[in-house]
C-alpha atoms as a PDB file:
ATOM      1  CA  MET A   1     142.888 111.156  15.703  1.00  0.00           C
ATOM      2  CA  ASN A   2     144.072 107.820  16.895  1.00  0.00           C
ATOM      3  CA  HIS A   3     146.693 109.636  18.724  1.00  0.00           C
ATOM      4  CA  ILE A   4     144.114 111.807  20.596  1.00  0.00           C
ATOM      5  CA  LYS A   5     142.106 108.695  21.308  1.00  0.00           C
ATOM      6  CA  ASN A   6     145.159 106.940  22.777  1.00  0.00           C
ATOM      7  CA  TRP A   7     146.094 109.987  24.729  1.00  0.00           C
ATOM      8  CA  THR A   8     142.547 110.343  26.128  1.00  0.00           C
ATOM      9  CA  PHE A   9     142.420 106.652  26.876  1.00  0.00           C
ATOM     10  CA  SER A  10     145.793 106.921  28.658  1.00  0.00           C
ATOM     11  CA  LEU A  11     144.573 109.893  30.598  1.00  0.00           C
ATOM     12  CA  LEU A  12     141.388 108.068  31.621  1.00  0.00           C
ATOM     13  CA  LYS A  13     143.399 105.003  32.577  1.00  0.00           C
ATOM     14  CA  LEU A  14     145.643 107.244  34.696  1.00  0.00           C
ATOM     15  CA  LEU A  15     142.618 108.918  36.355  1.00  0.00           C
ATOM     16  CA  HIS A  16     141.142 105.493  37.119  1.00  0.00           C
ATOM     17  CA  ALA A  17     144.456 104.248  38.473  1.00  0.00           C
ATOM     18  CA  ILE A  18     144.659 107.319  40.772  1.00  0.00           C
ATOM     19  CA  LYS A  19     141.058 106.824  41.888  1.00  0.00           C
ATOM     20  CA  ASP A  20     141.717 103.115  42.446  1.00  0.00           C
ATOM     21  CA  GLU A  21     144.825 103.875  44.465  1.00  0.00           C
ATOM     22  CA  ASN A  22     142.926 106.522  46.434  1.00  0.00           C
ATOM     23  CA  LEU A  23     140.104 104.067  47.080  1.00  0.00           C
ATOM     24  CA  THR A  24     142.579 101.393  48.101  1.00  0.00           C
ATOM     25  CA  TRP A  25     144.343 103.873  50.464  1.00  0.00           C
ATOM     26  CA  HIS A  26     140.954 104.823  52.008  1.00  0.00           C
ATOM     27  CA  GLN A  27     139.955 101.228  52.410  1.00  0.00           C
ATOM     28  CA  PHE A  28     143.276 100.322  53.916  1.00  0.00           C
ATOM     29  CA  ASN A  29     143.215 103.338  56.329  1.00  0.00           C
ATOM     30  CA  GLN A  30     139.498 103.406  56.967  1.00  0.00           C
ATOM     31  CA  GLU A  31     139.776 101.817  60.358  1.00  0.00           C
ATOM     32  CA  GLN A  32     142.523 104.172  61.404  1.00  0.00           C
ATOM     33  CA  GLN A  33     140.514 107.212  60.157  1.00  0.00           C
ATOM     34  CA  LEU A  34     137.428 106.003  62.074  1.00  0.00           C
ATOM     35  CA  GLN A  35     139.533 105.533  65.157  1.00  0.00           C
ATOM     36  CA  LEU A  36     140.997 109.070  64.756  1.00  0.00           C
ATOM     37  CA  LYS A  37     137.531 110.547  64.169  1.00  0.00           C
ATOM     38  CA  HIS A  38     136.275 108.651  67.247  1.00  0.00           C
ATOM     39  CA  GLU A  39     139.262 109.871  69.348  1.00  0.00           C
ATOM     40  CA  ARG A  40     138.679 113.455  68.147  1.00  0.00           C
ATOM     41  CA  ILE A  41     135.028 113.238  69.217  1.00  0.00           C
ATOM     42  CA  LEU A  42     136.030 111.754  72.569  1.00  0.00           C
ATOM     43  CA  ALA A  43     138.667 114.426  73.078  1.00  0.00           C
ATOM     44  CA  SER A  44     136.147 117.125  72.147  1.00  0.00           C
ATOM     45  CA  LYS A  45     133.595 115.712  74.637  1.00  0.00           C
ATOM     46  CA  ALA A  46     136.306 115.385  77.329  1.00  0.00           C
ATOM     47  CA  LEU A  47     137.325 118.970  76.671  1.00  0.00           C
ATOM     48  CA  GLU A  48     133.775 120.072  76.833  1.00  0.00           C
ATOM     49  CA  ALA A  49     133.187 118.195  80.125  1.00  0.00           C
ATOM     50  CA  ASP A  50     136.389 119.672  81.518  1.00  0.00           C
ATOM     51  CA  LEU A  51     135.359 123.161  80.537  1.00  0.00           C
ATOM     52  CA  LYS A  52     131.918 122.666  82.136  1.00  0.00           C
ATOM     53  CA  LYS A  53     133.590 121.369  85.300  1.00  0.00           C
ATOM     54  CA  LYS A  54     135.982 124.336  85.382  1.00  0.00           C
ATOM     55  CA  SER A  55     133.065 126.670  84.647  1.00  0.00           C
ATOM     56  CA  VAL A  56     131.114 125.282  87.587  1.00  0.00           C
ATOM     57  CA  GLU A  57     134.212 125.536  89.834  1.00  0.00           C
ATOM     58  CA  LEU A  58     134.777 129.112  88.680  1.00  0.00           C
ATOM     59  CA  GLU A  59     131.134 130.041  89.312  1.00  0.00           C
ATOM     60  CA  HIS A  60     131.432 128.499  92.789  1.00  0.00           C
ATOM     61  CA  ASP A  61     134.632 130.491  93.458  1.00  0.00           C
ATOM     62  CA  ILE A  62     132.994 133.634  92.195  1.00  0.00           C
ATOM     63  CA  ASP A  63     129.978 133.030  94.431  1.00  0.00           C
ATOM     64  CA  LEU A  64     132.280 132.483  97.419  1.00  0.00           C
ATOM     65  CA  ILE A  65     134.161 135.725  96.606  1.00  0.00           C
ATOM     66  CA  ARG A  66     130.849 137.648  96.226  1.00  0.00           C
ATOM     67  CA  THR A  67     129.579 136.253  99.523  1.00  0.00           C
ATOM     68  CA  LYS A  68     132.854 137.094 101.292  1.00  0.00           C
ATOM     69  CA  ASN A  69     132.892 140.548  99.789  1.00  0.00           C
ATOM     70  CA  ALA A  70     129.218 141.125 100.726  1.00  0.00           C
ATOM     71  CA  ALA A  71     129.987 140.059 104.286  1.00  0.00           C
ATOM     72  CA  ASP A  72     133.141 142.222 104.448  1.00  0.00           C
ATOM     73  CA  LEU A  73     131.153 145.167 103.064  1.00  0.00           C
ATOM     74  CA  ALA A  74     128.357 144.653 105.584  1.00  0.00           C
ATOM     75  CA  MET A  75     130.918 144.506 108.390  1.00  0.00           C
ATOM     76  CA  LEU A  76     132.719 147.594 107.083  1.00  0.00           C
ATOM     77  CA  LYS A  77     129.399 149.482 106.877  1.00  0.00           C
ATOM     78  CA  THR A  78     128.504 148.446 110.422  1.00  0.00           C
ATOM     79  CA  LYS A  79     131.985 149.447 111.639  1.00  0.00           C
ATOM     80  CA  CYS A  80     131.763 152.797 109.809  1.00  0.00           C
ATOM     81  CA  ASN A  81     128.285 153.441 111.170  1.00  0.00           C
ATOM     82  CA  GLN A  82     129.559 152.665 114.698  1.00  0.00           C
ATOM     83  CA  ASP A  83     132.569 154.895 114.132  1.00  0.00           C
ATOM     84  CA  ILE A  84     130.342 157.735 113.037  1.00  0.00           C
ATOM     85  CA  LYS A  85     128.140 157.200 116.097  1.00  0.00           C
ATOM     86  CA  ASP A  86     131.190 157.162 118.335  1.00  0.00           C
ATOM     87  CA  TYR A  87     132.589 160.266 116.720  1.00  0.00           C
ATOM     88  CA  LYS A  88     129.256 162.115 117.174  1.00  0.00           C
ATOM     89  CA  GLN A  89     129.251 161.087 120.833  1.00  0.00           C
ATOM     90  CA  TYR A  90     132.819 162.425 121.226  1.00  0.00           C
ATOM     91  CA  LEU A  91     131.740 165.748 119.576  1.00  0.00           C
ATOM     92  CA  ALA A  92     128.694 165.949 121.865  1.00  0.00           C
ATOM     93  CA  SER A  93     130.963 165.325 124.839  1.00  0.00           C
ATOM     94  CA  LEU A  94     133.298 168.111 123.695  1.00  0.00           C
ATOM     95  CA  ASP A  95     130.227 170.407 123.389  1.00  0.00           C
ATOM     96  CA  GLN A  96     129.326 169.580 126.976  1.00  0.00           C
ATOM     97  CA  LEU A  97     132.956 170.310 127.901  1.00  0.00           C
ATOM     98  CA  LYS A  98     132.659 173.748 126.356  1.00  0.00           C
ATOM     99  CA  LYS A  99     129.427 174.418 128.178  1.00  0.00           C
ATOM    100  CA  SER A 100     131.011 173.274 131.410  1.00  0.00           C
ATOM    101  CA  ILE A 101     133.838 175.725 130.969  1.00  0.00           C
ATOM    102  CA  GLN A 102     131.369 178.548 130.124  1.00  0.00           C
ATOM    103  CA  VAL A 103     129.282 177.735 133.217  1.00  0.00           C
ATOM    104  CA  SER A 104     132.285 177.359 135.513  1.00  0.00           C
ATOM    105  CA  TYR A 105     134.090 180.438 134.243  1.00  0.00           C
ATOM    106  CA  THR A 106     131.302 182.881 133.487  1.00  0.00           C
ATOM    107  CA  HIS A 107     133.709 185.813 133.504  1.00  0.00           C
ATOM    108  CA  LEU A 108     135.920 184.256 130.778  1.00  0.00           C
ATOM    109  CA  PRO A 109     135.574 185.566 127.250  1.00  0.00           C
ATOM    110  CA  GLU A 110     133.795 183.129 124.931  1.00  0.00           C
ATOM    111  CA  ALA A 111     136.891 182.964 122.810  1.00  0.00           C
ATOM    112  CA  VAL A 112     138.790 181.160 125.578  1.00  0.00           C
ATOM    113  CA  ALA A 113     136.050 178.544 125.923  1.00  0.00           C
ATOM    114  CA  PHE A 114     136.056 178.116 122.103  1.00  0.00           C
ATOM    115  CA  THR A 115     139.844 177.789 122.071  1.00  0.00           C
ATOM    116  CA  ILE A 116     139.723 175.054 124.709  1.00  0.00           C
ATOM    117  CA  HIS A 117     136.894 173.349 122.753  1.00  0.00           C
ATOM    118  CA  HIS A 118     138.860 173.679 119.512  1.00  0.00           C
ATOM    119  CA  HIS A 119     141.966 172.240 121.055  1.00  0.00           C
ATOM    120  CA  ALA A 120     139.972 169.261 122.363  1.00  0.00           C
ATOM    121  CA  LYS A 121     138.487 168.788 118.905  1.00  0.00           C
ATOM    122  CA  HIS A 122     141.890 168.957 117.382  1.00  0.00           C
ATOM    123  CA  LEU A 123     143.107 166.215 119.764  1.00  0.00           C
ATOM    124  CA  LEU A 124     140.017 164.127 118.899  1.00  0.00           C
ATOM    125  CA  ASN A 125     140.707 164.480 115.164  1.00  0.00           C
ATOM    126  CA  GLN A 126     144.379 163.495 115.601  1.00  0.00           C
ATOM    127  CA  MET A 127     143.251 160.421 117.503  1.00  0.00           C
ATOM    128  CA  TRP A 128     140.603 159.630 114.908  1.00  0.00           C
ATOM    129  CA  ASP A 129     142.950 160.061 111.919  1.00  0.00           C
ATOM    130  CA  ALA A 130     145.859 158.052 113.441  1.00  0.00           C
ATOM    131  CA  LYS A 131     146.664 155.119 111.152  1.00  0.00           C
ATOM    132  CA  ASP A 132     148.394 152.766 113.568  1.00  0.00           C
ATOM    133  CA  PHE A 133     147.322 151.630 117.028  1.00  0.00           C
ATOM    134  CA  GLU A 134     150.248 153.164 118.901  1.00  0.00           C
ATOM    135  CA  HIS A 135     149.649 156.638 117.552  1.00  0.00           C
ATOM    136  CA  LYS A 136     145.873 156.310 118.150  1.00  0.00           C
ATOM    137  CA  MET A 137     146.518 155.321 121.781  1.00  0.00           C
ATOM    138  CA  HIS A 138     149.008 158.155 122.214  1.00  0.00           C
ATOM    139  CA  HIS A 139     146.470 160.715 120.947  1.00  0.00           C
ATOM    140  CA  GLU A 140     143.652 159.148 122.913  1.00  0.00           C
ATOM    141  CA  MET A 141     145.712 159.456 126.136  1.00  0.00           C
ATOM    142  CA  GLN A 142     146.423 163.119 125.271  1.00  0.00           C
ATOM    143  CA  LEU A 143     142.674 163.721 124.816  1.00  0.00           C
ATOM    144  CA  ILE A 144     141.744 161.930 128.042  1.00  0.00           C
ATOM    145  CA  ASN A 145     144.414 163.869 129.917  1.00  0.00           C
ATOM    146  CA  PHE A 146     143.228 167.134 128.441  1.00  0.00           C
ATOM    147  CA  MET A 147     139.531 166.471 129.128  1.00  0.00           C
ATOM    148  CA  THR A 148     140.301 165.337 132.667  1.00  0.00           C
ATOM    149  CA  THR A 149     142.296 168.480 133.276  1.00  0.00           C
ATOM    150  CA  VAL A 150     139.461 170.650 131.952  1.00  0.00           C
ATOM    151  CA  HIS A 151     136.877 168.978 134.119  1.00  0.00           C
ATOM    152  CA  GLU A 152     139.164 169.136 137.131  1.00  0.00           C
ATOM    153  CA  ASP A 153     139.760 172.851 136.567  1.00  0.00           C
ATOM    154  CA  ALA A 154     135.990 173.416 136.176  1.00  0.00           C
ATOM    155  CA  ARG A 155     135.167 171.371 139.274  1.00  0.00           C
ATOM    156  CA  LEU A 156     137.724 173.155 141.429  1.00  0.00           C
ATOM    157  CA  ASN A 157     136.466 176.533 140.246  1.00  0.00           C
ATOM    158  CA  LEU A 158     132.857 175.645 141.014  1.00  0.00           C
ATOM    159  CA  GLU A 159     133.827 174.342 144.433  1.00  0.00           C
ATOM    160  CA  GLY A 160     135.620 177.569 145.077  1.00  0.00           C
ATOM    161  CA  THR A 161     138.926 175.815 145.910  1.00  0.00           C
ATOM    162  CA  ASN A 162     140.642 177.274 142.906  1.00  0.00           C
ATOM    163  CA  THR A 163     142.079 180.696 143.574  1.00  0.00           C
ATOM    164  CA  GLU A 164     142.782 181.427 139.928  1.00  0.00           C
ATOM    165  CA  LYS A 165     140.271 183.106 137.691  1.00  0.00           C
ATOM    166  CA  LEU A 166     141.372 181.050 134.675  1.00  0.00           C
ATOM    167  CA  PRO A 167     141.489 177.283 133.927  1.00  0.00           C
ATOM    168  CA  ALA A 168     145.290 177.540 134.325  1.00  0.00           C
ATOM    169  CA  ARG A 169     146.141 173.843 134.105  1.00  0.00           C
ATOM    170  CA  THR A 170     144.029 173.515 130.899  1.00  0.00           C
ATOM    171  CA  LEU A 171     145.606 176.582 129.288  1.00  0.00           C
ATOM    172  CA  ASN A 172     149.020 175.298 130.359  1.00  0.00           C
ATOM    173  CA  LEU A 173     148.366 171.957 128.527  1.00  0.00           C
ATOM    174  CA  ILE A 174     147.389 173.947 125.410  1.00  0.00           C
ATOM    175  CA  GLN A 175     150.529 176.013 125.680  1.00  0.00           C
ATOM    176  CA  GLN A 176     152.692 172.884 126.140  1.00  0.00           C
ATOM    177  CA  LYS A 177     151.083 171.304 123.036  1.00  0.00           C
ATOM    178  CA  GLN A 178     151.708 174.516 121.016  1.00  0.00           C
ATOM    179  CA  ASP A 179     155.322 174.709 122.186  1.00  0.00           C
ATOM    180  CA  SER A 180     156.026 171.011 121.257  1.00  0.00           C
ATOM    181  CA  THR A 181     154.215 171.060 117.874  1.00  0.00           C
ATOM    182  CA  PRO A 182     156.199 172.335 114.837  1.00  0.00           C
ATOM    183  CA  ILE A 183     154.450 175.179 113.029  1.00  0.00           C
ATOM    184  CA  ASP A 184     154.475 173.260 109.735  1.00  0.00           C
ATOM    185  CA  SER A 185     152.346 170.449 111.179  1.00  0.00           C
ATOM    186  CA  LEU A 186     149.617 172.846 112.278  1.00  0.00           C
END
């Protein structure tokens, strides 16, 4: 029993020694631990402040992008609305062209007037669908040339100075276009 008592006492002594050593270590390193804890808190607050700053900057950048996108969208809508208006005016002009042909050449079958109108509309669509400026200008010049020729043929016929019963120059332009266009692109 003495042996158990000694063993227990030794065990308690060992536990107290460990606790004393632990306490001594904590006392010795308490200042360093407080400093580390303080630095951790400061680092956490600095990180939080940095995150708030970046968040504000990000919000600002997002607002700028939204504003720019809204302005771009408004400009695009305005441009598209103007393009639609212009296209409608072109179509109205082509309808007037068809009526001018029908009035000037009353003896012509309606199909010829529709063919001329259809060709003018095809030139308009080519111009409208062109992706680059050079192609757009090329098609626009073709459309202007075609419409000018149609109006000139109609004017000459109404004045009686045209001896032909058909809008020959106009039909010739259509024929030239057909001859120079590959069938696959039609």
